[in-house]
């Protein structure tokens, strides 16, 4: 197990990964293939834009979007600027998202354009909830919503491109100085529960907690440099963000984000991208095993499967190992309020 970590904060981890893994693929999204060096540059640009937008250390910055490269860059950019990340559940309705935004006192929101046929911007406006702390909204698309006087919205609305352009006057030295001022004990994120038994509750997690916990998790899982990790688990949860993005940064694994679970897409991705690590609930793995065209796909690169979030039948584990030849099958249990993991 790892004792003293080489990175005290998430920004230090991002910088170290860019230095160490350089030209190794960091993120694959469709035709886009981003190296670790390029990811480091993109995160620095996003951090510069956050600073230019007035984000100060300790400010809350929310992300309401599916698993995409933009989620990774915007979230890590905000944290590198000293902000506290507040991921929003993509299944939230407008009023639910507004509650978390208000409760966390989010100052800036990154939001997707449309996902699963729903306009998040429209649903947030329909909620008609007062958000006195929310000053700016950045839409992760090429167009921002209508901000004509009819909407009477005092907030600044910008596209992702315009947001990044705003940070061009902030030097790399300024960004690195801001990151260097973050202490390991500073909050890195606030993870909200789903709210199934009442209002969602926010757990405040520090940089040190996150890095210690997921360095150990990466050791236990056997995640290694060169692994290709299909991240179906949502980034808004610790399973996707920390056991996914953070763990990959630690080990130099390639992230292949998938916004929606679809078994045909999963099978195609595993074969085309030579996926070696696949997390997900038991239903995902059961769907793969029972798919009528499973044998038409080359799944031989799979070596590590992590499952959980529901009861995991022994028979499922046996089939994953016997039929797919998966060397390691882990059952994981995590707790949002503690950011802890048991395998």
C-alpha atoms as a PDB file:
ATOM      1  CA  UNK A   1       0.000   0.000   0.000  1.00  0.00           C
ATOM      2  CA  UNK A   2       1.088   3.582  -0.594  1.00  0.00           C
ATOM      3  CA  UNK A   3       2.223   5.570   2.403  1.00  0.00           C
ATOM      4  CA  UNK A   4       3.311   9.133   1.703  1.00  0.00           C
ATOM      5  CA  UNK A   5       1.768  10.229  -1.575  1.00  0.00           C
ATOM      6  CA  UNK A   6       3.755  12.164  -4.164  1.00  0.00           C
ATOM      7  CA  UNK A   7       0.793  14.465  -4.755  1.00  0.00           C
ATOM      8  CA  UNK A   8      -0.836  16.429  -1.968  1.00  0.00           C
ATOM      9  CA  UNK A   9      -3.665  17.871  -4.070  1.00  0.00           C
ATOM     10  CA  UNK A  10      -5.657  17.065  -7.198  1.00  0.00           C
ATOM     11  CA  UNK A  11      -3.937  19.842  -9.240  1.00  0.00           C
ATOM     12  CA  UNK A  12      -0.559  18.347  -8.290  1.00  0.00           C
ATOM     13  CA  UNK A  13      -1.813  14.957  -9.484  1.00  0.00           C
ATOM     14  CA  UNK A  14      -2.937  16.407 -12.842  1.00  0.00           C
ATOM     15  CA  UNK A  15       0.439  18.105 -13.341  1.00  0.00           C
ATOM     16  CA  UNK A  16       2.377  14.978 -12.339  1.00  0.00           C
ATOM     17  CA  UNK A  17       0.325  12.804 -14.708  1.00  0.00           C
ATOM     18  CA  UNK A  18       0.991  15.200 -17.616  1.00  0.00           C
ATOM     19  CA  UNK A  19       4.714  15.109 -16.843  1.00  0.00           C
ATOM     20  CA  UNK A  20       4.997  11.373 -16.248  1.00  0.00           C
ATOM     21  CA  UNK A  21       2.709   9.955 -18.920  1.00  0.00           C
ATOM     22  CA  UNK A  22       3.221  12.650 -21.588  1.00  0.00           C
ATOM     23  CA  UNK A  23       2.196  11.230 -24.948  1.00  0.00           C
ATOM     24  CA  UNK A  24       0.264   8.266 -23.555  1.00  0.00           C
ATOM     25  CA  UNK A  25      -3.453   8.493 -24.376  1.00  0.00           C
ATOM     26  CA  UNK A  26      -5.378  10.035 -21.499  1.00  0.00           C
ATOM     27  CA  UNK A  27      -8.900  10.325 -22.939  1.00  0.00           C
ATOM     28  CA  UNK A  28     -10.557   8.766 -25.973  1.00  0.00           C
ATOM     29  CA  UNK A  29     -13.915  10.261 -26.989  1.00  0.00           C
ATOM     30  CA  UNK A  30     -15.073   9.298 -30.453  1.00  0.00           C
ATOM     31  CA  UNK A  31     -12.418  10.477 -32.877  1.00  0.00           C
ATOM     32  CA  UNK A  32     -10.786  12.687 -30.266  1.00  0.00           C
ATOM     33  CA  UNK A  33      -7.652  11.193 -28.741  1.00  0.00           C
ATOM     34  CA  UNK A  34      -6.066  13.350 -26.047  1.00  0.00           C
ATOM     35  CA  UNK A  35      -2.644  12.639 -24.566  1.00  0.00           C
ATOM     36  CA  UNK A  36      -1.811  13.250 -20.912  1.00  0.00           C
ATOM     37  CA  UNK A  37       0.292  16.258 -21.922  1.00  0.00           C
ATOM     38  CA  UNK A  38      -2.638  17.684 -23.903  1.00  0.00           C
ATOM     39  CA  UNK A  39      -5.034  16.989 -21.033  1.00  0.00           C
ATOM     40  CA  UNK A  40      -2.721  18.902 -18.688  1.00  0.00           C
ATOM     41  CA  UNK A  41      -2.724  21.858 -21.090  1.00  0.00           C
ATOM     42  CA  UNK A  42      -6.518  21.814 -21.416  1.00  0.00           C
ATOM     43  CA  UNK A  43      -6.997  21.684 -17.655  1.00  0.00           C
ATOM     44  CA  UNK A  44      -4.608  24.633 -17.235  1.00  0.00           C
ATOM     45  CA  UNK A  45      -6.596  26.635 -19.815  1.00  0.00           C
ATOM     46  CA  UNK A  46      -9.841  25.858 -17.987  1.00  0.00           C
ATOM     47  CA  UNK A  47      -8.251  26.871 -14.670  1.00  0.00           C
ATOM     48  CA  UNK A  48      -7.093  30.147 -16.250  1.00  0.00           C
ATOM     49  CA  UNK A  49     -10.628  30.796 -17.483  1.00  0.00           C
ATOM     50  CA  UNK A  50     -12.024  30.111 -14.005  1.00  0.00           C
ATOM     51  CA  UNK A  51      -9.568  32.609 -12.500  1.00  0.00           C
ATOM     52  CA  UNK A  52     -10.462  35.186 -15.155  1.00  0.00           C
ATOM     53  CA  UNK A  53     -14.147  34.619 -14.324  1.00  0.00           C
ATOM     54  CA  UNK A  54     -13.550  35.576 -10.711  1.00  0.00           C
ATOM     55  CA  UNK A  55     -13.432  32.112  -9.141  1.00  0.00           C
ATOM     56  CA  UNK A  56     -11.589  32.362  -5.822  1.00  0.00           C
ATOM     57  CA  UNK A  57     -10.181  29.551  -3.629  1.00  0.00           C
ATOM     58  CA  UNK A  58     -13.022  27.854  -1.799  1.00  0.00           C
ATOM     59  CA  UNK A  59     -15.731  28.960  -4.230  1.00  0.00           C
ATOM     60  CA  UNK A  60     -18.151  26.210  -5.266  1.00  0.00           C
ATOM     61  CA  UNK A  61     -18.247  25.291  -8.945  1.00  0.00           C
ATOM     62  CA  UNK A  62     -20.880  22.817 -10.158  1.00  0.00           C
ATOM     63  CA  UNK A  63     -20.867  20.511 -13.185  1.00  0.00           C
ATOM     64  CA  UNK A  64     -24.179  19.188 -14.546  1.00  0.00           C
ATOM     65  CA  UNK A  65     -23.306  17.047 -17.538  1.00  0.00           C
ATOM     66  CA  UNK A  66     -22.834  13.422 -18.654  1.00  0.00           C
ATOM     67  CA  UNK A  67     -19.517  11.553 -18.949  1.00  0.00           C
ATOM     68  CA  UNK A  68     -17.533  13.542 -21.528  1.00  0.00           C
ATOM     69  CA  UNK A  69     -14.097  15.035 -22.072  1.00  0.00           C
ATOM     70  CA  UNK A  70     -15.589  18.469 -21.324  1.00  0.00           C
ATOM     71  CA  UNK A  71     -16.707  17.209 -17.884  1.00  0.00           C
ATOM     72  CA  UNK A  72     -13.164  16.047 -17.107  1.00  0.00           C
ATOM     73  CA  UNK A  73     -11.534  19.295 -18.254  1.00  0.00           C
ATOM     74  CA  UNK A  74     -14.041  21.686 -16.677  1.00  0.00           C
ATOM     75  CA  UNK A  75     -14.086  19.852 -13.334  1.00  0.00           C
ATOM     76  CA  UNK A  76     -10.312  19.483 -13.042  1.00  0.00           C
ATOM     77  CA  UNK A  77      -9.869  23.062 -14.248  1.00  0.00           C
ATOM     78  CA  UNK A  78     -12.160  24.376 -11.523  1.00  0.00           C
ATOM     79  CA  UNK A  79     -10.401  22.341  -8.828  1.00  0.00           C
ATOM     80  CA  UNK A  80      -7.011  23.528 -10.129  1.00  0.00           C
ATOM     81  CA  UNK A  81      -8.217  27.116  -9.659  1.00  0.00           C
ATOM     82  CA  UNK A  82      -8.889  26.317  -6.009  1.00  0.00           C
ATOM     83  CA  UNK A  83     -12.630  25.781  -6.357  1.00  0.00           C
ATOM     84  CA  UNK A  84     -14.624  23.087  -4.606  1.00  0.00           C
ATOM     85  CA  UNK A  85     -16.258  20.816  -7.181  1.00  0.00           C
ATOM     86  CA  UNK A  86     -19.995  20.086  -6.876  1.00  0.00           C
ATOM     87  CA  UNK A  87     -21.026  17.353  -9.348  1.00  0.00           C
ATOM     88  CA  UNK A  88     -24.770  17.276 -10.138  1.00  0.00           C
ATOM     89  CA  UNK A  89     -26.685  14.067 -10.836  1.00  0.00           C
ATOM     90  CA  UNK A  90     -27.634  13.908 -14.532  1.00  0.00           C
ATOM     91  CA  UNK A  91     -30.982  12.373 -13.531  1.00  0.00           C
ATOM     92  CA  UNK A  92     -31.941  15.394 -11.454  1.00  0.00           C
ATOM     93  CA  UNK A  93     -34.900  17.496 -12.516  1.00  0.00           C
ATOM     94  CA  UNK A  94     -34.531  21.263 -12.551  1.00  0.00           C
ATOM     95  CA  UNK A  95     -35.821  21.758  -9.007  1.00  0.00           C
ATOM     96  CA  UNK A  96     -33.508  19.047  -7.653  1.00  0.00           C
ATOM     97  CA  UNK A  97     -30.493  20.583  -9.361  1.00  0.00           C
ATOM     98  CA  UNK A  98     -31.508  24.029  -8.102  1.00  0.00           C
ATOM     99  CA  UNK A  99     -31.691  22.701  -4.533  1.00  0.00           C
ATOM    100  CA  UNK A 100     -28.095  21.431  -4.682  1.00  0.00           C
ATOM    101  CA  UNK A 101     -26.891  24.635  -6.367  1.00  0.00           C
ATOM    102  CA  UNK A 102     -28.517  26.709  -3.633  1.00  0.00           C
ATOM    103  CA  UNK A 103     -27.420  24.437  -0.786  1.00  0.00           C
ATOM    104  CA  UNK A 104     -23.787  24.403  -1.948  1.00  0.00           C
ATOM    105  CA  UNK A 105     -23.809  28.135  -2.790  1.00  0.00           C
ATOM    106  CA  UNK A 106     -22.380  27.382  -6.235  1.00  0.00           C
ATOM    107  CA  UNK A 107     -20.925  30.474  -7.922  1.00  0.00           C
ATOM    108  CA  UNK A 108     -20.346  28.986 -11.376  1.00  0.00           C
ATOM    109  CA  UNK A 109     -22.157  26.197 -13.218  1.00  0.00           C
ATOM    110  CA  UNK A 110     -20.936  24.141 -16.167  1.00  0.00           C
ATOM    111  CA  UNK A 111     -23.968  22.594 -17.836  1.00  0.00           C
ATOM    112  CA  UNK A 112     -24.501  20.407 -20.890  1.00  0.00           C
ATOM    113  CA  UNK A 113     -26.698  21.609 -23.730  1.00  0.00           C
ATOM    114  CA  UNK A 114     -29.135  18.712 -24.154  1.00  0.00           C
ATOM    115  CA  UNK A 115     -28.852  15.195 -22.762  1.00  0.00           C
ATOM    116  CA  UNK A 116     -31.304  12.310 -23.227  1.00  0.00           C
ATOM    117  CA  UNK A 117     -33.701  14.696 -24.957  1.00  0.00           C
ATOM    118  CA  UNK A 118     -33.753  17.108 -22.014  1.00  0.00           C
ATOM    119  CA  UNK A 119     -32.541  20.692 -21.994  1.00  0.00           C
ATOM    120  CA  UNK A 120     -30.967  21.159 -18.587  1.00  0.00           C
ATOM    121  CA  UNK A 121     -30.962  24.924 -19.046  1.00  0.00           C
ATOM    122  CA  UNK A 122     -34.706  24.964 -19.734  1.00  0.00           C
ATOM    123  CA  UNK A 123     -35.477  22.644 -16.809  1.00  0.00           C
ATOM    124  CA  UNK A 124     -33.427  24.816 -14.451  1.00  0.00           C
ATOM    125  CA  UNK A 125     -35.266  27.931 -15.606  1.00  0.00           C
ATOM    126  CA  UNK A 126     -38.645  26.226 -15.260  1.00  0.00           C
ATOM    127  CA  UNK A 127     -37.804  25.363 -11.646  1.00  0.00           C
ATOM    128  CA  UNK A 128     -38.004  29.103 -10.952  1.00  0.00           C
ATOM    129  CA  UNK A 129     -35.845  28.776  -7.828  1.00  0.00           C
ATOM    130  CA  UNK A 130     -33.907  31.782  -6.611  1.00  0.00           C
ATOM    131  CA  UNK A 131     -30.158  31.151  -6.812  1.00  0.00           C
ATOM    132  CA  UNK A 132     -28.536  34.235  -5.295  1.00  0.00           C
ATOM    133  CA  UNK A 133     -25.009  32.801  -5.291  1.00  0.00           C
ATOM    134  CA  UNK A 134     -24.974  31.577  -8.903  1.00  0.00           C
ATOM    135  CA  UNK A 135     -23.290  34.307 -10.959  1.00  0.00           C
ATOM    136  CA  UNK A 136     -22.235  32.547 -14.161  1.00  0.00           C
ATOM    137  CA  UNK A 137     -23.346  29.633 -16.319  1.00  0.00           C
ATOM    138  CA  UNK A 138     -21.120  28.064 -18.963  1.00  0.00           C
ATOM    139  CA  UNK A 139     -22.923  25.897 -21.511  1.00  0.00           C
ATOM    140  CA  UNK A 140     -20.790  23.004 -22.750  1.00  0.00           C
ATOM    141  CA  UNK A 141     -21.869  23.457 -26.353  1.00  0.00           C
ATOM    142  CA  UNK A 142     -21.387  25.842 -29.270  1.00  0.00           C
ATOM    143  CA  UNK A 143     -24.377  28.020 -28.429  1.00  0.00           C
ATOM    144  CA  UNK A 144     -25.544  29.670 -25.235  1.00  0.00           C
ATOM    145  CA  UNK A 145     -29.266  30.018 -24.435  1.00  0.00           C
ATOM    146  CA  UNK A 146     -31.262  33.118 -25.215  1.00  0.00           C
ATOM    147  CA  UNK A 147     -30.448  35.852 -22.684  1.00  0.00           C
ATOM    148  CA  UNK A 148     -32.737  38.528 -24.081  1.00  0.00           C
ATOM    149  CA  UNK A 149     -34.512  40.887 -21.637  1.00  0.00           C
ATOM    150  CA  UNK A 150     -37.580  38.636 -21.791  1.00  0.00           C
ATOM    151  CA  UNK A 151     -35.772  36.175 -19.527  1.00  0.00           C
ATOM    152  CA  UNK A 152     -34.698  38.842 -17.033  1.00  0.00           C
ATOM    153  CA  UNK A 153     -31.752  36.685 -15.977  1.00  0.00           C
ATOM    154  CA  UNK A 154     -28.930  38.676 -14.352  1.00  0.00           C
ATOM    155  CA  UNK A 155     -26.401  35.878 -14.756  1.00  0.00           C
ATOM    156  CA  UNK A 156     -23.632  35.774 -17.308  1.00  0.00           C
ATOM    157  CA  UNK A 157     -24.258  32.988 -19.836  1.00  0.00           C
ATOM    158  CA  UNK A 158     -21.406  31.864 -22.072  1.00  0.00           C
ATOM    159  CA  UNK A 159     -20.428  29.035 -24.347  1.00  0.00           C
ATOM    160  CA  UNK A 160     -17.482  26.815 -23.440  1.00  0.00           C
ATOM    161  CA  UNK A 161     -15.454  28.399 -26.272  1.00  0.00           C
ATOM    162  CA  UNK A 162     -16.133  31.938 -25.066  1.00  0.00           C
ATOM    163  CA  UNK A 163     -15.398  30.925 -21.477  1.00  0.00           C
ATOM    164  CA  UNK A 164     -11.965  29.546 -22.433  1.00  0.00           C
ATOM    165  CA  UNK A 165     -11.215  32.631 -24.523  1.00  0.00           C
ATOM    166  CA  UNK A 166     -11.779  34.753 -21.442  1.00  0.00           C
ATOM    167  CA  UNK A 167      -8.825  33.108 -19.720  1.00  0.00           C
ATOM    168  CA  UNK A 168      -6.271  33.816 -22.437  1.00  0.00           C
ATOM    169  CA  UNK A 169      -4.922  36.794 -20.526  1.00  0.00           C
ATOM    170  CA  UNK A 170      -4.130  34.709 -17.426  1.00  0.00           C
ATOM    171  CA  UNK A 171      -0.572  33.391 -17.465  1.00  0.00           C
ATOM    172  CA  UNK A 172       0.506  29.846 -16.754  1.00  0.00           C
ATOM    173  CA  UNK A 173       2.532  31.160 -13.821  1.00  0.00           C
ATOM    174  CA  UNK A 174      -0.635  32.621 -12.299  1.00  0.00           C
ATOM    175  CA  UNK A 175      -2.474  29.310 -12.698  1.00  0.00           C
ATOM    176  CA  UNK A 176       0.382  27.335 -11.176  1.00  0.00           C
ATOM    177  CA  UNK A 177       0.692  29.780  -8.289  1.00  0.00           C
ATOM    178  CA  UNK A 178      -3.016  29.434  -7.567  1.00  0.00           C
ATOM    179  CA  UNK A 179      -2.714  25.623  -7.592  1.00  0.00           C
ATOM    180  CA  UNK A 180       0.365  25.748  -5.358  1.00  0.00           C
ATOM    181  CA  UNK A 181      -1.607  27.671  -2.743  1.00  0.00           C
ATOM    182  CA  UNK A 182      -4.063  24.818  -2.242  1.00  0.00           C
ATOM    183  CA  UNK A 183      -3.414  22.763   0.909  1.00  0.00           C
ATOM    184  CA  UNK A 184      -4.085  19.000   1.080  1.00  0.00           C
ATOM    185  CA  UNK A 185      -6.591  19.691   3.865  1.00  0.00           C
ATOM    186  CA  UNK A 186      -8.629  22.070   1.684  1.00  0.00           C
ATOM    187  CA  UNK A 187     -12.000  20.794   0.433  1.00  0.00           C
ATOM    188  CA  UNK A 188     -11.772  19.389  -3.106  1.00  0.00           C
ATOM    189  CA  UNK A 189     -15.399  18.456  -3.678  1.00  0.00           C
ATOM    190  CA  UNK A 190     -18.864  18.177  -2.195  1.00  0.00           C
ATOM    191  CA  UNK A 191     -20.556  14.928  -3.166  1.00  0.00           C
ATOM    192  CA  UNK A 192     -24.330  14.986  -2.669  1.00  0.00           C
ATOM    193  CA  UNK A 193     -26.346  11.880  -1.912  1.00  0.00           C
ATOM    194  CA  UNK A 194     -29.153  10.935  -4.293  1.00  0.00           C
ATOM    195  CA  UNK A 195     -31.857  12.162  -1.949  1.00  0.00           C
ATOM    196  CA  UNK A 196     -33.879   8.937  -2.054  1.00  0.00           C
ATOM    197  CA  UNK A 197     -34.694   9.167   1.664  1.00  0.00           C
ATOM    198  CA  UNK A 198     -35.038  12.947   1.917  1.00  0.00           C
ATOM    199  CA  UNK A 199     -33.224  16.012   0.689  1.00  0.00           C
ATOM    200  CA  UNK A 200     -29.765  15.304  -0.811  1.00  0.00           C
ATOM    201  CA  UNK A 201     -27.003  15.777   1.740  1.00  0.00           C
ATOM    202  CA  UNK A 202     -23.558  17.084   0.815  1.00  0.00           C
ATOM    203  CA  UNK A 203     -20.380  15.373   2.015  1.00  0.00           C
ATOM    204  CA  UNK A 204     -17.358  17.692   2.030  1.00  0.00           C
ATOM    205  CA  UNK A 205     -14.197  15.800   1.033  1.00  0.00           C
ATOM    206  CA  UNK A 206     -10.625  17.123   1.115  1.00  0.00           C
ATOM    207  CA  UNK A 207      -7.870  16.665  -1.453  1.00  0.00           C
ATOM    208  CA  UNK A 208      -5.894  14.443   0.945  1.00  0.00           C
ATOM    209  CA  UNK A 209      -8.887  12.187   1.666  1.00  0.00           C
ATOM    210  CA  UNK A 210      -9.571  11.665  -2.017  1.00  0.00           C
ATOM    211  CA  UNK A 211      -5.967  10.956  -2.957  1.00  0.00           C
ATOM    212  CA  UNK A 212      -5.265   8.609  -0.055  1.00  0.00           C
ATOM    213  CA  UNK A 213      -8.456   6.645  -0.557  1.00  0.00           C
ATOM    214  CA  UNK A 214      -8.139   6.149  -4.291  1.00  0.00           C
ATOM    215  CA  UNK A 215      -4.391   5.479  -4.284  1.00  0.00           C
ATOM    216  CA  UNK A 216      -5.178   2.541  -2.005  1.00  0.00           C
ATOM    217  CA  UNK A 217      -8.146   1.561  -4.182  1.00  0.00           C
ATOM    218  CA  UNK A 218      -5.941   1.602  -7.289  1.00  0.00           C
ATOM    219  CA  UNK A 219      -3.417  -0.644  -5.534  1.00  0.00           C
ATOM    220  CA  UNK A 220      -6.072  -3.093  -4.388  1.00  0.00           C
ATOM    221  CA  UNK A 221      -7.757  -3.205  -7.801  1.00  0.00           C
ATOM    222  CA  UNK A 222      -4.430  -3.634  -9.576  1.00  0.00           C
ATOM    223  CA  UNK A 223      -5.001  -0.703 -11.939  1.00  0.00           C
ATOM    224  CA  UNK A 224      -1.825  -0.121 -13.944  1.00  0.00           C
ATOM    225  CA  UNK A 225      -0.218   2.054 -16.579  1.00  0.00           C
ATOM    226  CA  UNK A 226      -1.491   1.216 -20.052  1.00  0.00           C
ATOM    227  CA  UNK A 227      -4.883  -0.032 -18.870  1.00  0.00           C
ATOM    228  CA  UNK A 228      -7.809   1.135 -20.991  1.00  0.00           C
ATOM    229  CA  UNK A 229     -10.730   1.975 -18.733  1.00  0.00           C
ATOM    230  CA  UNK A 230     -14.300   2.227 -20.046  1.00  0.00           C
ATOM    231  CA  UNK A 231     -16.012   4.585 -17.595  1.00  0.00           C
ATOM    232  CA  UNK A 232     -19.746   3.956 -17.743  1.00  0.00           C
ATOM    233  CA  UNK A 233     -20.304   4.855 -14.100  1.00  0.00           C
ATOM    234  CA  UNK A 234     -21.417   8.501 -13.967  1.00  0.00           C
ATOM    235  CA  UNK A 235     -18.783  11.118 -13.218  1.00  0.00           C
ATOM    236  CA  UNK A 236     -21.162  12.828 -10.784  1.00  0.00           C
ATOM    237  CA  UNK A 237     -20.603   9.899  -8.401  1.00  0.00           C
ATOM    238  CA  UNK A 238     -17.398   8.821  -6.670  1.00  0.00           C
ATOM    239  CA  UNK A 239     -17.430   5.558  -8.658  1.00  0.00           C
ATOM    240  CA  UNK A 240     -17.013   7.477 -11.918  1.00  0.00           C
ATOM    241  CA  UNK A 241     -15.053  10.532 -10.776  1.00  0.00           C
ATOM    242  CA  UNK A 242     -12.691   9.086  -8.188  1.00  0.00           C
ATOM    243  CA  UNK A 243     -12.462   5.363  -8.921  1.00  0.00           C
ATOM    244  CA  UNK A 244     -12.461   6.444 -12.581  1.00  0.00           C
ATOM    245  CA  UNK A 245     -10.862   9.797 -13.452  1.00  0.00           C
ATOM    246  CA  UNK A 246      -8.684  10.219 -10.340  1.00  0.00           C
ATOM    247  CA  UNK A 247      -7.527   6.584 -10.385  1.00  0.00           C
ATOM    248  CA  UNK A 248      -6.621   6.792 -14.088  1.00  0.00           C
ATOM    249  CA  UNK A 249      -4.591   9.962 -13.476  1.00  0.00           C
ATOM    250  CA  UNK A 250      -2.695   8.141 -10.735  1.00  0.00           C
ATOM    251  CA  UNK A 251      -1.828   5.143 -12.872  1.00  0.00           C
ATOM    252  CA  UNK A 252      -1.624   6.486 -16.416  1.00  0.00           C
ATOM    253  CA  UNK A 253      -4.615   4.521 -17.644  1.00  0.00           C
ATOM    254  CA  UNK A 254      -6.610   5.643 -20.678  1.00  0.00           C
ATOM    255  CA  UNK A 255     -10.126   6.924 -19.947  1.00  0.00           C
ATOM    256  CA  UNK A 256     -12.886   6.045 -22.409  1.00  0.00           C
ATOM    257  CA  UNK A 257     -15.984   7.873 -21.091  1.00  0.00           C
ATOM    258  CA  UNK A 258     -19.415   6.560 -22.082  1.00  0.00           C
ATOM    259  CA  UNK A 259     -22.324   8.948 -21.379  1.00  0.00           C
ATOM    260  CA  UNK A 260     -25.145   6.364 -21.396  1.00  0.00           C
ATOM    261  CA  UNK A 261     -25.171   2.640 -20.701  1.00  0.00           C
ATOM    262  CA  UNK A 262     -26.005   0.763 -23.878  1.00  0.00           C
ATOM    263  CA  UNK A 263     -24.810  -2.820 -24.110  1.00  0.00           C
ATOM    264  CA  UNK A 264     -24.187  -2.674 -27.870  1.00  0.00           C
ATOM    265  CA  UNK A 265     -22.021   0.424 -27.440  1.00  0.00           C
ATOM    266  CA  UNK A 266     -20.191  -1.171 -24.507  1.00  0.00           C
ATOM    267  CA  UNK A 267     -19.395  -4.282 -26.552  1.00  0.00           C
ATOM    268  CA  UNK A 268     -18.239  -2.184 -29.509  1.00  0.00           C
ATOM    269  CA  UNK A 269     -16.032  -0.040 -27.275  1.00  0.00           C
ATOM    270  CA  UNK A 270     -14.463  -3.020 -25.526  1.00  0.00           C
ATOM    271  CA  UNK A 271     -13.520  -4.546 -28.867  1.00  0.00           C
ATOM    272  CA  UNK A 272     -12.453  -1.380 -30.716  1.00  0.00           C
ATOM    273  CA  UNK A 273     -10.530   0.224 -27.850  1.00  0.00           C
ATOM    274  CA  UNK A 274      -9.139  -3.001 -26.331  1.00  0.00           C
ATOM    275  CA  UNK A 275     -10.755  -2.171 -22.996  1.00  0.00           C
ATOM    276  CA  UNK A 276      -9.051  -3.905 -20.074  1.00  0.00           C
ATOM    277  CA  UNK A 277     -10.970  -2.387 -17.135  1.00  0.00           C
ATOM    278  CA  UNK A 278     -14.760  -2.282 -16.937  1.00  0.00           C
ATOM    279  CA  UNK A 279     -16.694  -1.039 -13.903  1.00  0.00           C
ATOM    280  CA  UNK A 280     -20.451  -1.142 -13.582  1.00  0.00           C
ATOM    281  CA  UNK A 281     -23.494  -2.555 -11.809  1.00  0.00           C
ATOM    282  CA  UNK A 282     -24.346  -6.270 -12.099  1.00  0.00           C
ATOM    283  CA  UNK A 283     -26.991  -5.545 -14.770  1.00  0.00           C
ATOM    284  CA  UNK A 284     -24.285  -4.191 -17.091  1.00  0.00           C
ATOM    285  CA  UNK A 285     -22.181  -7.339 -16.845  1.00  0.00           C
ATOM    286  CA  UNK A 286     -25.215  -9.605 -17.027  1.00  0.00           C
ATOM    287  CA  UNK A 287     -26.317  -7.832 -20.204  1.00  0.00           C
ATOM    288  CA  UNK A 288     -22.904  -8.422 -21.768  1.00  0.00           C
ATOM    289  CA  UNK A 289     -22.889 -12.117 -20.877  1.00  0.00           C
ATOM    290  CA  UNK A 290     -26.424 -12.660 -22.205  1.00  0.00           C
ATOM    291  CA  UNK A 291     -26.086 -10.570 -25.371  1.00  0.00           C
ATOM    292  CA  UNK A 292     -26.881 -12.702 -28.452  1.00  0.00           C
ATOM    293  CA  UNK A 293     -23.985 -11.195 -30.457  1.00  0.00           C
ATOM    294  CA  UNK A 294     -21.418 -11.281 -27.679  1.00  0.00           C
ATOM    295  CA  UNK A 295     -19.158 -13.750 -29.462  1.00  0.00           C
ATOM    296  CA  UNK A 296     -18.958 -11.453 -32.494  1.00  0.00           C
ATOM    297  CA  UNK A 297     -16.890  -9.016 -30.394  1.00  0.00           C
ATOM    298  CA  UNK A 298     -13.317  -9.516 -29.240  1.00  0.00           C
ATOM    299  CA  UNK A 299     -13.470  -9.098 -25.461  1.00  0.00           C
ATOM    300  CA  UNK A 300     -10.145 -10.787 -24.775  1.00  0.00           C
ATOM    301  CA  UNK A 301      -8.438  -7.626 -23.445  1.00  0.00           C
ATOM    302  CA  UNK A 302     -10.764  -7.501 -20.406  1.00  0.00           C
ATOM    303  CA  UNK A 303      -8.783  -8.377 -17.303  1.00  0.00           C
ATOM    304  CA  UNK A 304     -10.412  -6.404 -14.460  1.00  0.00           C
ATOM    305  CA  UNK A 305     -14.113  -6.038 -13.731  1.00  0.00           C
ATOM    306  CA  UNK A 306     -15.452  -4.004 -10.823  1.00  0.00           C
ATOM    307  CA  UNK A 307     -19.095  -4.336  -9.903  1.00  0.00           C
ATOM    308  CA  UNK A 308     -21.368  -3.251  -7.096  1.00  0.00           C
ATOM    309  CA  UNK A 309     -24.285  -0.887  -6.313  1.00  0.00           C
ATOM    310  CA  UNK A 310     -26.551  -3.949  -6.026  1.00  0.00           C
ATOM    311  CA  UNK A 311     -26.468  -7.586  -4.934  1.00  0.00           C
ATOM    312  CA  UNK A 312     -23.833  -9.444  -6.958  1.00  0.00           C
ATOM    313  CA  UNK A 313     -24.768 -13.114  -7.544  1.00  0.00           C
ATOM    314  CA  UNK A 314     -21.917 -15.606  -7.224  1.00  0.00           C
ATOM    315  CA  UNK A 315     -22.990 -17.100 -10.545  1.00  0.00           C
ATOM    316  CA  UNK A 316     -22.293 -13.757 -12.261  1.00  0.00           C
ATOM    317  CA  UNK A 317     -18.726 -13.723 -10.922  1.00  0.00           C
ATOM    318  CA  UNK A 318     -18.223 -17.331 -12.051  1.00  0.00           C
ATOM    319  CA  UNK A 319     -19.480 -16.545 -15.557  1.00  0.00           C
ATOM    320  CA  UNK A 320     -17.293 -13.445 -15.898  1.00  0.00           C
ATOM    321  CA  UNK A 321     -14.249 -15.492 -15.001  1.00  0.00           C
ATOM    322  CA  UNK A 322     -15.219 -18.659 -16.826  1.00  0.00           C
ATOM    323  CA  UNK A 323     -16.861 -17.383 -20.016  1.00  0.00           C
ATOM    324  CA  UNK A 324     -14.973 -14.113 -20.537  1.00  0.00           C
ATOM    325  CA  UNK A 325     -11.691 -15.107 -18.923  1.00  0.00           C
ATOM    326  CA  UNK A 326     -11.620 -12.032 -16.660  1.00  0.00           C
ATOM    327  CA  UNK A 327      -8.730 -12.495 -14.244  1.00  0.00           C
ATOM    328  CA  UNK A 328     -10.003 -10.247 -11.446  1.00  0.00           C
ATOM    329  CA  UNK A 329     -13.608  -9.563 -10.461  1.00  0.00           C
ATOM    330  CA  UNK A 330     -14.051  -7.137  -7.568  1.00  0.00           C
ATOM    331  CA  UNK A 331     -17.235  -6.335  -5.723  1.00  0.00           C
ATOM    332  CA  UNK A 332     -17.023  -2.767  -4.454  1.00  0.00           C
ATOM    333  CA  UNK A 333     -19.070  -0.846  -1.929  1.00  0.00           C
ATOM    334  CA  UNK A 334     -18.726   2.891  -1.510  1.00  0.00           C
ATOM    335  CA  UNK A 335     -20.304   5.506   0.740  1.00  0.00           C
ATOM    336  CA  UNK A 336     -20.775   9.046  -0.576  1.00  0.00           C
ATOM    337  CA  UNK A 337     -20.774  10.531   2.914  1.00  0.00           C
ATOM    338  CA  UNK A 338     -17.355   9.051   3.719  1.00  0.00           C
ATOM    339  CA  UNK A 339     -15.840   8.712   0.240  1.00  0.00           C
ATOM    340  CA  UNK A 340     -14.666   5.303   1.394  1.00  0.00           C
ATOM    341  CA  UNK A 341     -14.531   2.035  -0.506  1.00  0.00           C
ATOM    342  CA  UNK A 342     -14.642  -1.595   0.525  1.00  0.00           C
ATOM    343  CA  UNK A 343     -13.766  -4.345  -1.962  1.00  0.00           C
END
